[in-house]
Amino acid sequence: MGKFIISETETNCKQTGKTIKKGESCFYHPGLGHFHPESVVYRDKKISGGSRMGNFRKK
């Protein structure tokens, strides 16, 4: 089950590869990693508010 968080460290998005800077909002899912606000996963979760993780494609 994932959740929206404020990143405590600089990390990379698992889908887009973009850098998520410290203090930036992101979606985190244990076991899958962090997702940048421009990723499809982040946008889908923001719209649906759901906790289910389907398959996602890494660019």
N, C-alpha and C. Protein backbone atom coordinates (compact mmCIF):
# COMPACT_ATOMS: atom_id res chain seq x y z
N MET A 1 0.85 -1.18 0.00
CA MET A 1 0.00 0.00 0.00
C MET A 1 0.89 1.24 0.00
N GLY A 2 0.69 2.09 -0.97
CA GLY A 2 1.52 3.28 -1.10
C GLY A 2 0.88 4.52 -0.50
N LYS A 3 1.69 5.58 -0.46
CA LYS A 3 1.18 6.85 0.06
C LYS A 3 1.98 8.00 -0.52
N PHE A 4 1.36 9.19 -0.47
CA PHE A 4 2.04 10.41 -0.89
C PHE A 4 2.89 10.90 0.27
N ILE A 5 4.14 11.24 -0.03
CA ILE A 5 5.07 11.69 1.00
C ILE A 5 5.87 12.88 0.48
N ILE A 6 6.58 13.51 1.39
CA ILE A 6 7.58 14.52 1.05
C ILE A 6 8.93 13.80 1.16
N SER A 7 9.67 13.79 0.08
CA SER A 7 10.93 13.06 0.04
C SER A 7 11.93 13.62 1.06
N GLU A 8 12.53 12.72 1.83
CA GLU A 8 13.53 13.12 2.83
C GLU A 8 14.94 13.10 2.27
N THR A 9 15.11 12.46 1.12
CA THR A 9 16.42 12.40 0.46
C THR A 9 16.21 12.58 -1.04
N GLU A 10 17.29 12.84 -1.75
CA GLU A 10 17.20 12.90 -3.21
C GLU A 10 17.19 11.47 -3.74
N THR A 11 16.26 11.18 -4.62
CA THR A 11 16.13 9.83 -5.17
C THR A 11 15.65 9.92 -6.61
N ASN A 12 15.54 8.79 -7.28
CA ASN A 12 15.08 8.76 -8.67
C ASN A 12 13.73 8.06 -8.77
N CYS A 13 12.92 8.53 -9.72
CA CYS A 13 11.62 7.93 -9.98
C CYS A 13 11.83 6.56 -10.63
N LYS A 14 11.09 5.58 -10.17
CA LYS A 14 11.22 4.23 -10.72
C LYS A 14 10.58 4.09 -12.09
N GLN A 15 9.73 5.02 -12.47
CA GLN A 15 9.08 4.94 -13.77
C GLN A 15 9.72 5.85 -14.81
N THR A 16 9.95 7.11 -14.46
CA THR A 16 10.48 8.07 -15.43
C THR A 16 11.98 8.25 -15.36
N GLY A 17 12.59 7.91 -14.22
CA GLY A 17 14.02 8.11 -14.04
C GLY A 17 14.38 9.53 -13.63
N LYS A 18 13.37 10.41 -13.50
CA LYS A 18 13.62 11.80 -13.10
C LYS A 18 14.03 11.87 -11.64
N THR A 19 14.81 12.88 -11.32
CA THR A 19 15.27 13.07 -9.95
C THR A 19 14.15 13.67 -9.11
N ILE A 20 13.94 13.09 -7.94
CA ILE A 20 13.00 13.63 -6.96
C ILE A 20 13.87 14.27 -5.89
N LYS A 21 13.77 15.59 -5.77
CA LYS A 21 14.62 16.32 -4.85
C LYS A 21 14.10 16.24 -3.42
N LYS A 22 15.00 16.43 -2.47
CA LYS A 22 14.64 16.47 -1.06
C LYS A 22 13.59 17.56 -0.85
N GLY A 23 12.49 17.22 -0.17
CA GLY A 23 11.42 18.17 0.11
C GLY A 23 10.33 18.21 -0.95
N GLU A 24 10.50 17.45 -2.03
CA GLU A 24 9.50 17.42 -3.10
C GLU A 24 8.47 16.33 -2.83
N SER A 25 7.23 16.58 -3.21
CA SER A 25 6.16 15.60 -3.06
C SER A 25 6.38 14.45 -4.03
N CYS A 26 6.10 13.24 -3.58
CA CYS A 26 6.20 12.06 -4.45
C CYS A 26 5.25 10.99 -3.93
N PHE A 27 5.06 9.94 -4.73
CA PHE A 27 4.27 8.80 -4.29
C PHE A 27 5.25 7.68 -3.98
N TYR A 28 5.13 7.09 -2.79
CA TYR A 28 6.04 6.02 -2.38
C TYR A 28 5.25 4.74 -2.17
N HIS A 29 5.74 3.65 -2.75
CA HIS A 29 5.13 2.34 -2.56
C HIS A 29 6.23 1.38 -2.08
N PRO A 30 6.10 0.83 -0.87
CA PRO A 30 7.11 -0.09 -0.35
C PRO A 30 7.34 -1.26 -1.33
N GLY A 31 8.58 -1.52 -1.60
CA GLY A 31 8.92 -2.60 -2.50
C GLY A 31 9.04 -2.15 -3.96
N LEU A 32 8.40 -1.05 -4.31
CA LEU A 32 8.48 -0.54 -5.68
C LEU A 32 9.27 0.75 -5.78
N GLY A 33 9.22 1.58 -4.77
CA GLY A 33 10.01 2.79 -4.75
C GLY A 33 9.21 4.07 -4.86
N HIS A 34 9.92 5.12 -5.27
CA HIS A 34 9.37 6.47 -5.34
C HIS A 34 8.96 6.80 -6.77
N PHE A 35 7.89 7.63 -6.90
CA PHE A 35 7.38 8.02 -8.20
C PHE A 35 7.25 9.54 -8.27
N HIS A 36 7.82 10.13 -9.30
CA HIS A 36 7.84 11.58 -9.55
C HIS A 36 6.43 12.08 -9.88
N PRO A 37 6.11 13.34 -9.53
CA PRO A 37 4.79 13.90 -9.85
C PRO A 37 4.42 13.86 -11.34
N GLU A 38 5.39 13.75 -12.22
CA GLU A 38 5.09 13.67 -13.66
C GLU A 38 4.88 12.23 -14.13
N SER A 39 5.01 11.26 -13.25
CA SER A 39 4.83 9.86 -13.65
C SER A 39 3.35 9.50 -13.74
N VAL A 40 3.06 8.49 -14.52
CA VAL A 40 1.69 8.01 -14.69
C VAL A 40 1.17 7.46 -13.36
N VAL A 41 2.01 6.75 -12.64
CA VAL A 41 1.61 6.17 -11.34
C VAL A 41 1.17 7.28 -10.39
N TYR A 42 1.97 8.33 -10.25
CA TYR A 42 1.64 9.45 -9.36
C TYR A 42 0.31 10.07 -9.75
N ARG A 43 0.16 10.39 -11.06
CA ARG A 43 -1.07 11.03 -11.53
C ARG A 43 -2.29 10.14 -11.32
N ASP A 44 -2.16 8.84 -11.59
CA ASP A 44 -3.29 7.91 -11.39
C ASP A 44 -3.68 7.84 -9.92
N LYS A 45 -2.71 7.80 -9.05
CA LYS A 45 -2.99 7.72 -7.61
C LYS A 45 -3.61 9.02 -7.11
N LYS A 46 -3.18 10.15 -7.65
CA LYS A 46 -3.72 11.44 -7.24
C LYS A 46 -5.19 11.53 -7.63
N ILE A 47 -5.53 11.02 -8.80
CA ILE A 47 -6.91 11.06 -9.28
C ILE A 47 -7.79 10.06 -8.53
N SER A 48 -7.33 8.82 -8.43
CA SER A 48 -8.16 7.76 -7.85
C SER A 48 -8.10 7.70 -6.34
N GLY A 49 -6.96 8.06 -5.77
CA GLY A 49 -6.79 7.94 -4.32
C GLY A 49 -6.73 6.50 -3.87
N GLY A 50 -6.65 5.58 -4.82
CA GLY A 50 -6.64 4.15 -4.52
C GLY A 50 -5.29 3.66 -4.03
N SER A 51 -5.29 2.47 -3.50
CA SER A 51 -4.06 1.90 -2.97
C SER A 51 -3.54 0.75 -3.82
N ARG A 52 -4.29 0.32 -4.84
CA ARG A 52 -3.88 -0.80 -5.67
C ARG A 52 -2.79 -0.39 -6.64
N MET A 53 -1.77 -1.21 -6.76
CA MET A 53 -0.70 -0.94 -7.72
C MET A 53 -0.83 -1.94 -8.85
N GLY A 54 -1.14 -1.45 -10.04
CA GLY A 54 -1.17 -2.32 -11.21
C GLY A 54 0.23 -2.40 -11.80
N ASN A 55 0.31 -2.92 -12.97
CA ASN A 55 1.60 -2.96 -13.66
C ASN A 55 1.93 -1.57 -14.17
N PHE A 56 3.17 -1.19 -14.08
CA PHE A 56 3.60 0.09 -14.64
C PHE A 56 4.79 -0.14 -15.54
N ARG A 57 4.88 0.70 -16.55
CA ARG A 57 5.99 0.58 -17.50
C ARG A 57 7.05 1.59 -17.19
N LYS A 58 8.28 1.12 -17.08
CA LYS A 58 9.42 2.02 -16.87
C LYS A 58 9.86 2.53 -18.23
N LYS A 59 10.03 3.85 -18.34
CA LYS A 59 10.46 4.44 -19.62
C LYS A 59 11.92 4.20 -19.84
